[in-house]
Amino acid sequence: MPPPTTPAAAFTRLMEGNKRWVSGDLQHPDRDPDRREFVAQQQEPYGSVLSCIDSRVPPELLFDTGLGDLYVMRTGGEAIGPVVTGSVEYGPMTSGTPLIVVLGHQRCGAVKAAYDSLRDGKPLPGNLQAIVKALEPAYRQAVREGGSDPVETMARAQVTLTAADLRTNDDLAPLVKKGDLAVVGAYYSLDTGKVEVLSGAPS
């Protein structure tokens, strides 16, 4: 099946894959030796996904995709910095990938660790502190919003803030404005397997 070329079509393809994941009616597309040979010389991924390192949230599986379908970047709590942002920009800016998804998830350990660290004023060891620093804006938003589950609020805030930053940065904003790119913020339920859209769904 040829890759979708518009933000809306790419988004629809991904969300249909997630529906199959939830129901267990998986197609496992693009996962055989023929596909491996087909993409060996060149690739045309239709989506870029920035998600968490969590072992329970592999984008290729939960969107029921295969080889050559997605660029995938994974960092603790979807933390971003220049190298990660550049990696997210790579598909849209070099080969016209029409969709970016920032995917947070339920019960995120990285977000909880950052939340506890910031709340208690206790830095985490080593380079883990870089993750805490990257998640600080989401922490501040969660504190402002309050609510019964601040870690969950922070995890969702991290998605929407990161998606908004990407959508409006100097390099991606022109593509979004032209309608060539959509940046979607989404949230994965560990309990149900369902991806919920938080922001930016293309129409």
N, C-alpha and C. Protein backbone atom coordinates (compact mmCIF):
# COMPACT_ATOMS: atom_id res chain seq x y z
N MET A 1 0.85 -1.19 0.00
CA MET A 1 0.00 0.00 0.00
C MET A 1 0.89 1.25 0.00
N PRO A 2 0.66 2.16 -0.94
CA PRO A 2 1.52 3.35 -0.99
C PRO A 2 1.35 4.22 0.26
N PRO A 3 2.41 4.93 0.66
CA PRO A 3 2.30 5.75 1.87
C PRO A 3 1.37 6.93 1.65
N PRO A 4 0.57 7.30 2.64
CA PRO A 4 -0.27 8.49 2.52
C PRO A 4 0.61 9.74 2.41
N THR A 5 0.15 10.72 1.67
CA THR A 5 0.99 11.89 1.40
C THR A 5 0.46 13.18 2.01
N THR A 6 -0.72 13.14 2.61
CA THR A 6 -1.26 14.35 3.24
C THR A 6 -1.32 14.13 4.75
N PRO A 7 -1.30 15.22 5.53
CA PRO A 7 -1.41 15.05 6.98
C PRO A 7 -2.65 14.27 7.41
N ALA A 8 -3.80 14.59 6.80
CA ALA A 8 -5.04 13.93 7.19
C ALA A 8 -5.00 12.44 6.87
N ALA A 9 -4.49 12.09 5.70
CA ALA A 9 -4.44 10.67 5.31
C ALA A 9 -3.45 9.90 6.18
N ALA A 10 -2.32 10.53 6.50
CA ALA A 10 -1.33 9.87 7.36
C ALA A 10 -1.90 9.66 8.76
N PHE A 11 -2.59 10.67 9.26
CA PHE A 11 -3.20 10.59 10.58
C PHE A 11 -4.26 9.49 10.62
N THR A 12 -5.08 9.43 9.58
CA THR A 12 -6.12 8.40 9.49
C THR A 12 -5.49 7.01 9.48
N ARG A 13 -4.41 6.83 8.70
CA ARG A 13 -3.75 5.53 8.63
C ARG A 13 -3.24 5.11 10.00
N LEU A 14 -2.62 6.04 10.72
CA LEU A 14 -2.11 5.71 12.05
C LEU A 14 -3.23 5.35 13.02
N MET A 15 -4.29 6.15 13.02
CA MET A 15 -5.37 5.91 13.97
C MET A 15 -6.14 4.63 13.65
N GLU A 16 -6.24 4.28 12.38
CA GLU A 16 -6.84 2.99 12.02
C GLU A 16 -5.99 1.85 12.57
N GLY A 17 -4.66 2.02 12.48
CA GLY A 17 -3.75 1.02 13.03
C GLY A 17 -3.92 0.88 14.53
N ASN A 18 -4.13 2.02 15.21
CA ASN A 18 -4.33 1.95 16.66
C ASN A 18 -5.64 1.24 17.01
N LYS A 19 -6.67 1.46 16.20
CA LYS A 19 -7.94 0.74 16.44
C LYS A 19 -7.72 -0.76 16.35
N ARG A 20 -6.91 -1.20 15.38
CA ARG A 20 -6.63 -2.64 15.25
C ARG A 20 -5.84 -3.14 16.47
N TRP A 21 -4.94 -2.31 16.97
CA TRP A 21 -4.17 -2.68 18.16
C TRP A 21 -5.08 -2.88 19.37
N VAL A 22 -6.03 -1.97 19.53
CA VAL A 22 -6.96 -2.04 20.66
C VAL A 22 -7.82 -3.30 20.57
N SER A 23 -8.29 -3.60 19.36
CA SER A 23 -9.21 -4.74 19.18
C SER A 23 -8.47 -6.08 19.08
N GLY A 24 -7.18 -6.02 18.79
CA GLY A 24 -6.43 -7.26 18.58
C GLY A 24 -6.52 -7.80 17.18
N ASP A 25 -7.18 -7.06 16.28
CA ASP A 25 -7.34 -7.48 14.88
C ASP A 25 -6.19 -6.93 14.04
N LEU A 26 -4.98 -7.40 14.32
CA LEU A 26 -3.77 -6.80 13.76
C LEU A 26 -3.49 -7.29 12.34
N GLN A 27 -2.95 -6.39 11.52
CA GLN A 27 -2.57 -6.75 10.15
C GLN A 27 -1.07 -6.98 10.02
N HIS A 28 -0.28 -6.46 10.95
CA HIS A 28 1.18 -6.54 10.86
C HIS A 28 1.68 -6.16 9.46
N PRO A 29 1.30 -4.98 8.95
CA PRO A 29 1.68 -4.64 7.58
C PRO A 29 3.18 -4.37 7.47
N ASP A 30 3.70 -4.54 6.26
CA ASP A 30 5.08 -4.13 5.95
C ASP A 30 6.11 -4.78 6.85
N ARG A 31 5.89 -6.07 7.17
CA ARG A 31 6.84 -6.76 8.05
C ARG A 31 7.22 -8.12 7.47
N ASP A 32 7.84 -8.12 6.32
CA ASP A 32 8.28 -9.39 5.75
C ASP A 32 9.51 -9.14 4.88
N PRO A 33 10.18 -10.19 4.40
CA PRO A 33 11.40 -10.00 3.61
C PRO A 33 11.18 -9.15 2.35
N ASP A 34 10.01 -9.26 1.73
CA ASP A 34 9.75 -8.44 0.55
C ASP A 34 9.79 -6.95 0.90
N ARG A 35 9.18 -6.60 2.02
CA ARG A 35 9.19 -5.21 2.46
C ARG A 35 10.61 -4.78 2.80
N ARG A 36 11.35 -5.65 3.44
CA ARG A 36 12.74 -5.33 3.79
C ARG A 36 13.55 -5.00 2.54
N GLU A 37 13.37 -5.81 1.49
CA GLU A 37 14.08 -5.56 0.24
C GLU A 37 13.59 -4.27 -0.41
N PHE A 38 12.29 -4.03 -0.33
CA PHE A 38 11.70 -2.84 -0.98
C PHE A 38 12.24 -1.55 -0.38
N VAL A 39 12.41 -1.52 0.95
CA VAL A 39 12.87 -0.28 1.59
C VAL A 39 14.38 -0.23 1.79
N ALA A 40 15.09 -1.27 1.37
CA ALA A 40 16.53 -1.32 1.63
C ALA A 40 17.27 -0.14 1.00
N GLN A 41 16.86 0.29 -0.17
CA GLN A 41 17.57 1.36 -0.88
C GLN A 41 17.04 2.75 -0.55
N GLN A 42 15.76 2.85 -0.23
CA GLN A 42 15.20 4.16 0.11
C GLN A 42 13.96 4.00 0.97
N GLN A 43 13.61 5.08 1.68
CA GLN A 43 12.46 5.04 2.58
C GLN A 43 11.57 6.24 2.35
N GLU A 44 10.28 6.03 2.63
CA GLU A 44 9.30 7.12 2.54
C GLU A 44 8.36 7.06 3.74
N PRO A 45 8.86 7.22 4.96
CA PRO A 45 7.96 7.16 6.11
C PRO A 45 6.89 8.25 6.04
N TYR A 46 5.67 7.91 6.42
CA TYR A 46 4.58 8.89 6.34
C TYR A 46 4.32 9.57 7.68
N GLY A 47 5.06 9.16 8.73
CA GLY A 47 4.89 9.80 10.03
C GLY A 47 6.18 9.82 10.81
N SER A 48 6.32 10.84 11.66
CA SER A 48 7.41 10.92 12.63
C SER A 48 6.78 10.89 14.00
N VAL A 49 7.21 9.98 14.86
CA VAL A 49 6.63 9.87 16.20
C VAL A 49 7.71 10.13 17.23
N LEU A 50 7.44 11.09 18.10
CA LEU A 50 8.29 11.32 19.27
C LEU A 50 7.55 10.77 20.47
N SER A 51 8.10 9.70 21.05
CA SER A 51 7.41 9.08 22.18
C SER A 51 8.40 8.82 23.30
N CYS A 52 7.92 8.21 24.35
CA CYS A 52 8.73 7.94 25.54
C CYS A 52 9.53 6.65 25.37
N ILE A 53 10.58 6.51 26.17
CA ILE A 53 11.40 5.30 26.13
C ILE A 53 10.69 4.09 26.74
N ASP A 54 9.55 4.30 27.37
CA ASP A 54 8.84 3.25 28.10
C ASP A 54 8.68 1.99 27.25
N SER A 55 9.04 0.85 27.84
CA SER A 55 9.04 -0.42 27.10
C SER A 55 7.64 -0.86 26.67
N ARG A 56 6.62 -0.22 27.28
CA ARG A 56 5.24 -0.63 26.98
C ARG A 56 4.60 0.22 25.89
N VAL A 57 5.39 1.14 25.30
CA VAL A 57 4.81 2.10 24.35
C VAL A 57 5.61 2.14 23.04
N PRO A 58 5.76 1.00 22.35
CA PRO A 58 6.49 1.02 21.08
C PRO A 58 5.57 1.51 19.94
N PRO A 59 5.86 2.65 19.35
CA PRO A 59 4.93 3.21 18.35
C PRO A 59 4.62 2.28 17.19
N GLU A 60 5.62 1.55 16.69
CA GLU A 60 5.36 0.68 15.53
C GLU A 60 4.30 -0.37 15.84
N LEU A 61 4.27 -0.84 17.10
CA LEU A 61 3.30 -1.86 17.47
C LEU A 61 1.92 -1.25 17.74
N LEU A 62 1.88 -0.18 18.51
CA LEU A 62 0.57 0.32 18.92
C LEU A 62 -0.15 1.07 17.80
N PHE A 63 0.57 1.37 16.70
CA PHE A 63 -0.10 1.89 15.51
C PHE A 63 -0.18 0.81 14.41
N ASP A 64 0.22 -0.42 14.73
CA ASP A 64 0.19 -1.55 13.77
C ASP A 64 0.81 -1.16 12.44
N THR A 65 2.05 -0.68 12.50
CA THR A 65 2.78 -0.30 11.29
C THR A 65 3.94 -1.26 11.09
N GLY A 66 4.75 -1.00 10.10
CA GLY A 66 5.86 -1.90 9.82
C GLY A 66 7.12 -1.16 9.39
N LEU A 67 7.97 -1.90 8.70
CA LEU A 67 9.28 -1.41 8.29
C LEU A 67 9.14 -0.27 7.28
N GLY A 68 9.81 0.83 7.56
CA GLY A 68 9.81 1.95 6.62
C GLY A 68 8.61 2.86 6.72
N ASP A 69 7.73 2.63 7.70
CA ASP A 69 6.51 3.45 7.81
C ASP A 69 6.70 4.70 8.67
N LEU A 70 7.53 4.61 9.72
CA LEU A 70 7.63 5.69 10.69
C LEU A 70 9.08 6.02 11.02
N TYR A 71 9.36 7.32 11.14
CA TYR A 71 10.55 7.75 11.88
C TYR A 71 10.15 7.75 13.35
N VAL A 72 10.97 7.17 14.22
CA VAL A 72 10.62 7.12 15.64
C VAL A 72 11.78 7.65 16.48
N MET A 73 11.46 8.63 17.30
CA MET A 73 12.39 9.18 18.28
C MET A 73 11.81 8.87 19.66
N ARG A 74 12.64 8.37 20.58
CA ARG A 74 12.13 8.05 21.92
C ARG A 74 13.07 8.61 22.97
N THR A 75 12.52 9.44 23.83
CA THR A 75 13.29 10.01 24.94
C THR A 75 12.45 9.91 26.21
N GLY A 76 13.09 9.99 27.35
CA GLY A 76 12.36 9.94 28.61
C GLY A 76 11.36 11.07 28.72
N GLY A 77 10.07 10.72 28.82
CA GLY A 77 9.04 11.74 28.94
C GLY A 77 8.91 12.65 27.73
N GLU A 78 9.35 12.16 26.56
CA GLU A 78 9.35 12.97 25.33
C GLU A 78 10.13 14.28 25.52
N ALA A 79 11.17 14.23 26.33
CA ALA A 79 12.02 15.41 26.55
C ALA A 79 12.70 15.78 25.23
N ILE A 80 12.76 17.08 24.95
CA ILE A 80 13.42 17.49 23.72
C ILE A 80 14.55 18.47 24.00
N GLY A 81 15.50 18.47 23.09
CA GLY A 81 16.61 19.40 23.05
C GLY A 81 16.99 19.51 21.58
N PRO A 82 18.06 20.23 21.24
CA PRO A 82 18.38 20.47 19.83
C PRO A 82 18.53 19.20 18.99
N VAL A 83 19.20 18.17 19.49
CA VAL A 83 19.41 16.96 18.70
C VAL A 83 18.09 16.24 18.45
N VAL A 84 17.25 16.16 19.48
CA VAL A 84 15.95 15.50 19.34
C VAL A 84 15.07 16.30 18.38
N THR A 85 15.02 17.61 18.55
CA THR A 85 14.21 18.44 17.67
C THR A 85 14.67 18.28 16.23
N GLY A 86 15.99 18.27 16.02
CA GLY A 86 16.51 18.06 14.67
C GLY A 86 16.10 16.72 14.11
N SER A 87 16.08 15.70 14.96
CA SER A 87 15.68 14.36 14.51
C SER A 87 14.20 14.34 14.13
N VAL A 88 13.36 15.05 14.90
CA VAL A 88 11.93 15.14 14.58
C VAL A 88 11.75 15.90 13.26
N GLU A 89 12.55 16.94 13.05
CA GLU A 89 12.42 17.76 11.84
C GLU A 89 12.90 17.04 10.59
N TYR A 90 13.72 16.02 10.76
CA TYR A 90 14.40 15.39 9.62
C TYR A 90 13.43 14.94 8.53
N GLY A 91 12.39 14.18 8.90
CA GLY A 91 11.45 13.67 7.90
C GLY A 91 10.71 14.77 7.17
N PRO A 92 10.03 15.66 7.91
CA PRO A 92 9.30 16.74 7.24
C PRO A 92 10.19 17.65 6.40
N MET A 93 11.40 17.92 6.86
CA MET A 93 12.24 18.90 6.17
C MET A 93 13.07 18.31 5.04
N THR A 94 13.31 17.00 5.06
CA THR A 94 14.14 16.42 4.00
C THR A 94 13.34 15.58 3.00
N SER A 95 12.21 15.04 3.45
CA SER A 95 11.49 14.16 2.52
C SER A 95 9.98 14.35 2.55
N GLY A 96 9.53 15.45 3.14
CA GLY A 96 8.10 15.77 3.07
C GLY A 96 7.20 14.90 3.90
N THR A 97 7.73 14.25 4.95
CA THR A 97 6.87 13.48 5.85
C THR A 97 5.75 14.39 6.38
N PRO A 98 4.47 14.02 6.18
CA PRO A 98 3.39 14.97 6.45
C PRO A 98 2.84 15.02 7.87
N LEU A 99 3.38 14.17 8.77
CA LEU A 99 2.77 14.07 10.10
C LEU A 99 3.84 13.88 11.16
N ILE A 100 3.69 14.65 12.24
CA ILE A 100 4.48 14.42 13.46
C ILE A 100 3.48 14.13 14.58
N VAL A 101 3.75 13.09 15.36
CA VAL A 101 2.94 12.79 16.54
C VAL A 101 3.84 12.83 17.77
N VAL A 102 3.47 13.65 18.75
CA VAL A 102 4.11 13.63 20.05
C VAL A 102 3.23 12.76 20.95
N LEU A 103 3.78 11.64 21.41
CA LEU A 103 2.96 10.63 22.08
C LEU A 103 3.40 10.44 23.53
N GLY A 104 2.60 10.97 24.44
CA GLY A 104 2.80 10.71 25.86
C GLY A 104 2.01 9.49 26.28
N HIS A 105 2.11 9.14 27.56
CA HIS A 105 1.38 7.94 27.98
C HIS A 105 1.08 7.96 29.46
N GLN A 106 0.13 7.12 29.81
CA GLN A 106 -0.34 6.92 31.18
C GLN A 106 0.78 6.36 32.06
N ARG A 107 0.81 6.80 33.32
CA ARG A 107 1.76 6.29 34.31
C ARG A 107 3.21 6.34 33.82
N CYS A 108 3.61 7.52 33.34
CA CYS A 108 4.96 7.70 32.80
C CYS A 108 5.97 7.83 33.94
N GLY A 109 6.90 6.90 34.02
CA GLY A 109 7.90 6.91 35.08
C GLY A 109 8.82 8.12 35.02
N ALA A 110 9.19 8.53 33.81
CA ALA A 110 10.07 9.69 33.66
C ALA A 110 9.39 10.95 34.16
N VAL A 111 8.12 11.10 33.82
CA VAL A 111 7.37 12.28 34.28
C VAL A 111 7.24 12.25 35.79
N LYS A 112 6.94 11.09 36.35
CA LYS A 112 6.80 11.00 37.82
C LYS A 112 8.11 11.34 38.52
N ALA A 113 9.22 10.81 38.00
CA ALA A 113 10.52 11.10 38.60
C ALA A 113 10.83 12.59 38.54
N ALA A 114 10.52 13.20 37.39
CA ALA A 114 10.77 14.64 37.24
C ALA A 114 9.86 15.44 38.16
N TYR A 115 8.61 15.02 38.25
CA TYR A 115 7.65 15.71 39.13
C TYR A 115 8.15 15.68 40.58
N ASP A 116 8.53 14.49 41.05
CA ASP A 116 9.00 14.35 42.44
C ASP A 116 10.25 15.18 42.68
N SER A 117 11.17 15.15 41.71
CA SER A 117 12.42 15.90 41.83
C SER A 117 12.17 17.40 41.95
N LEU A 118 11.29 17.90 41.10
CA LEU A 118 11.00 19.34 41.10
C LEU A 118 10.20 19.74 42.35
N ARG A 119 9.26 18.90 42.74
CA ARG A 119 8.44 19.20 43.92
C ARG A 119 9.30 19.24 45.18
N ASP A 120 10.23 18.28 45.28
CA ASP A 120 11.02 18.14 46.50
C ASP A 120 12.32 18.94 46.46
N GLY A 121 12.63 19.52 45.28
CA GLY A 121 13.90 20.25 45.16
C GLY A 121 15.11 19.37 45.26
N LYS A 122 14.99 18.11 44.80
CA LYS A 122 16.09 17.15 44.87
C LYS A 122 16.49 16.73 43.46
N PRO A 123 17.62 17.23 42.96
CA PRO A 123 18.05 16.86 41.60
C PRO A 123 18.26 15.36 41.47
N LEU A 124 18.03 14.85 40.27
CA LEU A 124 18.29 13.43 39.99
C LEU A 124 19.76 13.27 39.58
N PRO A 125 20.30 12.06 39.74
CA PRO A 125 21.72 11.86 39.44
C PRO A 125 22.03 11.88 37.94
N GLY A 126 23.28 12.23 37.64
CA GLY A 126 23.78 12.15 36.27
C GLY A 126 22.97 12.95 35.28
N ASN A 127 22.87 12.42 34.09
CA ASN A 127 22.16 13.11 33.01
C ASN A 127 20.64 13.01 33.14
N LEU A 128 20.15 12.25 34.13
CA LEU A 128 18.71 12.24 34.38
C LEU A 128 18.22 13.66 34.70
N GLN A 129 19.10 14.48 35.25
CA GLN A 129 18.70 15.84 35.58
C GLN A 129 18.37 16.65 34.32
N ALA A 130 18.97 16.29 33.19
CA ALA A 130 18.65 16.98 31.93
C ALA A 130 17.19 16.72 31.53
N ILE A 131 16.69 15.52 31.84
CA ILE A 131 15.29 15.22 31.57
C ILE A 131 14.40 16.06 32.48
N VAL A 132 14.77 16.14 33.75
CA VAL A 132 14.01 16.96 34.70
C VAL A 132 13.91 18.39 34.19
N LYS A 133 15.03 18.94 33.75
CA LYS A 133 15.06 20.33 33.28
C LYS A 133 14.15 20.51 32.06
N ALA A 134 14.20 19.53 31.15
CA ALA A 134 13.37 19.61 29.93
C ALA A 134 11.87 19.54 30.26
N LEU A 135 11.53 18.85 31.36
CA LEU A 135 10.12 18.67 31.72
C LEU A 135 9.61 19.76 32.67
N GLU A 136 10.46 20.69 33.02
CA GLU A 136 10.07 21.71 34.00
C GLU A 136 8.88 22.57 33.56
N PRO A 137 8.80 22.99 32.28
CA PRO A 137 7.61 23.77 31.88
C PRO A 137 6.30 23.00 32.09
N ALA A 138 6.32 21.69 31.83
CA ALA A 138 5.12 20.87 32.04
C ALA A 138 4.80 20.76 33.53
N TYR A 139 5.83 20.69 34.34
CA TYR A 139 5.63 20.66 35.80
C TYR A 139 4.95 21.95 36.25
N ARG A 140 5.46 23.08 35.77
CA ARG A 140 4.89 24.37 36.18
C ARG A 140 3.42 24.47 35.76
N GLN A 141 3.12 23.98 34.55
CA GLN A 141 1.72 24.01 34.10
C GLN A 141 0.85 23.12 34.97
N ALA A 142 1.35 21.95 35.32
CA ALA A 142 0.58 21.02 36.16
C ALA A 142 0.31 21.63 37.53
N VAL A 143 1.30 22.32 38.09
CA VAL A 143 1.12 22.97 39.39
C VAL A 143 0.04 24.05 39.30
N ARG A 144 0.06 24.82 38.20
CA ARG A 144 -0.96 25.85 38.00
C ARG A 144 -2.35 25.25 37.88
N GLU A 145 -2.45 24.13 37.16
CA GLU A 145 -3.77 23.52 36.91
C GLU A 145 -4.31 22.79 38.13
N GLY A 146 -3.41 22.27 38.97
CA GLY A 146 -3.88 21.52 40.13
C GLY A 146 -4.55 20.21 39.72
N GLY A 147 -5.50 19.74 40.52
CA GLY A 147 -6.20 18.49 40.19
C GLY A 147 -5.74 17.35 41.07
N SER A 148 -6.46 16.24 40.96
CA SER A 148 -6.23 15.13 41.88
C SER A 148 -5.01 14.28 41.49
N ASP A 149 -4.60 14.32 40.22
CA ASP A 149 -3.46 13.50 39.78
C ASP A 149 -2.47 14.38 39.03
N PRO A 150 -1.61 15.10 39.77
CA PRO A 150 -0.73 16.06 39.13
C PRO A 150 0.27 15.44 38.16
N VAL A 151 0.66 14.20 38.40
CA VAL A 151 1.62 13.56 37.50
C VAL A 151 0.97 13.31 36.14
N GLU A 152 -0.28 12.86 36.17
CA GLU A 152 -1.03 12.66 34.92
C GLU A 152 -1.22 14.00 34.20
N THR A 153 -1.55 15.04 34.96
CA THR A 153 -1.70 16.38 34.38
C THR A 153 -0.40 16.83 33.74
N MET A 154 0.71 16.56 34.41
CA MET A 154 2.02 16.95 33.89
C MET A 154 2.36 16.18 32.62
N ALA A 155 2.03 14.89 32.59
CA ALA A 155 2.32 14.08 31.40
C ALA A 155 1.56 14.61 30.18
N ARG A 156 0.31 14.98 30.39
CA ARG A 156 -0.49 15.53 29.28
C ARG A 156 0.02 16.92 28.89
N ALA A 157 0.40 17.71 29.88
CA ALA A 157 0.94 19.04 29.59
C ALA A 157 2.22 18.93 28.76
N GLN A 158 3.06 17.95 29.09
CA GLN A 158 4.30 17.76 28.34
C GLN A 158 4.02 17.50 26.86
N VAL A 159 2.99 16.72 26.58
CA VAL A 159 2.62 16.45 25.19
C VAL A 159 2.16 17.72 24.48
N THR A 160 1.23 18.43 25.09
CA THR A 160 0.66 19.60 24.39
C THR A 160 1.68 20.72 24.26
N LEU A 161 2.52 20.91 25.27
CA LEU A 161 3.56 21.95 25.17
C LEU A 161 4.59 21.59 24.10
N THR A 162 5.02 20.34 24.06
CA THR A 162 6.02 19.91 23.08
C THR A 162 5.47 20.00 21.67
N ALA A 163 4.23 19.54 21.48
CA ALA A 163 3.60 19.64 20.15
C ALA A 163 3.48 21.10 19.72
N ALA A 164 3.09 21.96 20.65
CA ALA A 164 2.94 23.39 20.32
C ALA A 164 4.29 24.00 19.95
N ASP A 165 5.34 23.63 20.69
CA ASP A 165 6.68 24.13 20.38
C ASP A 165 7.12 23.72 18.98
N LEU A 166 6.90 22.46 18.64
CA LEU A 166 7.29 21.97 17.31
C LEU A 166 6.46 22.64 16.21
N ARG A 167 5.18 22.77 16.47
CA ARG A 167 4.25 23.33 15.48
C ARG A 167 4.60 24.77 15.12
N THR A 168 5.18 25.48 16.09
CA THR A 168 5.42 26.91 15.90
C THR A 168 6.90 27.25 15.75
N ASN A 169 7.77 26.25 15.68
CA ASN A 169 9.19 26.60 15.57
C ASN A 169 9.49 27.12 14.16
N ASP A 170 10.61 27.81 14.01
CA ASP A 170 10.91 28.54 12.77
C ASP A 170 10.95 27.64 11.55
N ASP A 171 11.35 26.39 11.73
CA ASP A 171 11.53 25.50 10.59
C ASP A 171 10.25 24.76 10.19
N LEU A 172 9.45 24.37 11.19
CA LEU A 172 8.26 23.58 10.89
C LEU A 172 7.01 24.44 10.66
N ALA A 173 6.94 25.61 11.29
CA ALA A 173 5.75 26.45 11.17
C ALA A 173 5.35 26.75 9.72
N PRO A 174 6.31 27.05 8.83
CA PRO A 174 5.91 27.30 7.43
C PRO A 174 5.24 26.10 6.77
N LEU A 175 5.71 24.88 7.11
CA LEU A 175 5.10 23.67 6.54
C LEU A 175 3.69 23.47 7.08
N VAL A 176 3.51 23.76 8.39
CA VAL A 176 2.18 23.66 9.01
C VAL A 176 1.24 24.67 8.36
N LYS A 177 1.74 25.88 8.18
CA LYS A 177 0.91 26.96 7.62
C LYS A 177 0.44 26.62 6.21
N LYS A 178 1.33 25.98 5.43
CA LYS A 178 0.97 25.60 4.05
C LYS A 178 0.04 24.40 4.00
N GLY A 179 -0.12 23.71 5.14
CA GLY A 179 -0.97 22.52 5.15
C GLY A 179 -0.24 21.25 4.75
N ASP A 180 1.10 21.34 4.64
CA ASP A 180 1.88 20.17 4.26
C ASP A 180 2.24 19.28 5.45
N LEU A 181 2.02 19.80 6.66
CA LEU A 181 2.44 19.09 7.86
C LEU A 181 1.43 19.34 8.98
N ALA A 182 1.14 18.29 9.74
CA ALA A 182 0.37 18.44 10.98
C ALA A 182 1.22 17.92 12.13
N VAL A 183 1.13 18.60 13.27
CA VAL A 183 1.82 18.15 14.48
C VAL A 183 0.73 17.85 15.52
N VAL A 184 0.60 16.57 15.85
CA VAL A 184 -0.47 16.10 16.71
C VAL A 184 0.08 15.75 18.08
N GLY A 185 -0.59 16.20 19.12
CA GLY A 185 -0.28 15.75 20.47
C GLY A 185 -1.24 14.63 20.84
N ALA A 186 -0.71 13.51 21.33
CA ALA A 186 -1.57 12.35 21.60
C ALA A 186 -1.12 11.66 22.89
N TYR A 187 -2.01 10.84 23.42
CA TYR A 187 -1.79 10.23 24.73
C TYR A 187 -2.23 8.77 24.69
N TYR A 188 -1.34 7.89 25.14
CA TYR A 188 -1.58 6.46 25.07
C TYR A 188 -1.99 5.89 26.43
N SER A 189 -3.06 5.14 26.43
CA SER A 189 -3.52 4.47 27.65
C SER A 189 -2.89 3.09 27.75
N LEU A 190 -2.11 2.87 28.79
CA LEU A 190 -1.53 1.54 29.02
C LEU A 190 -2.63 0.52 29.28
N ASP A 191 -3.72 0.96 29.91
CA ASP A 191 -4.80 0.04 30.28
C ASP A 191 -5.59 -0.47 29.09
N THR A 192 -5.87 0.42 28.13
CA THR A 192 -6.75 0.05 27.02
C THR A 192 -6.02 -0.12 25.68
N GLY A 193 -4.83 0.46 25.55
CA GLY A 193 -4.12 0.45 24.27
C GLY A 193 -4.57 1.56 23.33
N LYS A 194 -5.48 2.40 23.78
CA LYS A 194 -6.06 3.44 22.89
C LYS A 194 -5.21 4.71 22.91
N VAL A 195 -5.06 5.28 21.73
CA VAL A 195 -4.42 6.59 21.58
C VAL A 195 -5.50 7.66 21.52
N GLU A 196 -5.40 8.61 22.42
CA GLU A 196 -6.35 9.72 22.50
C GLU A 196 -5.65 10.98 21.97
N VAL A 197 -6.33 11.72 21.11
CA VAL A 197 -5.75 12.94 20.56
C VAL A 197 -5.97 14.11 21.52
N LEU A 198 -4.89 14.81 21.83
CA LEU A 198 -4.98 15.97 22.71
C LEU A 198 -5.00 17.29 21.95
N SER A 199 -4.30 17.35 20.81
CA SER A 199 -4.22 18.60 20.06
C SER A 199 -3.75 18.36 18.63
N GLY A 200 -4.17 19.25 17.75
CA GLY A 200 -3.57 19.34 16.43
C GLY A 200 -4.01 18.33 15.38
N ALA A 201 -5.12 17.61 15.61
CA ALA A 201 -5.56 16.61 14.61
C ALA A 201 -5.88 17.31 13.29
N PRO A 202 -5.33 16.83 12.16
CA PRO A 202 -5.64 17.44 10.87
C PRO A 202 -7.06 17.12 10.44
N SER A 203 -7.71 18.10 9.80
CA SER A 203 -9.09 17.86 9.37
C SER A 203 -9.13 17.41 7.91
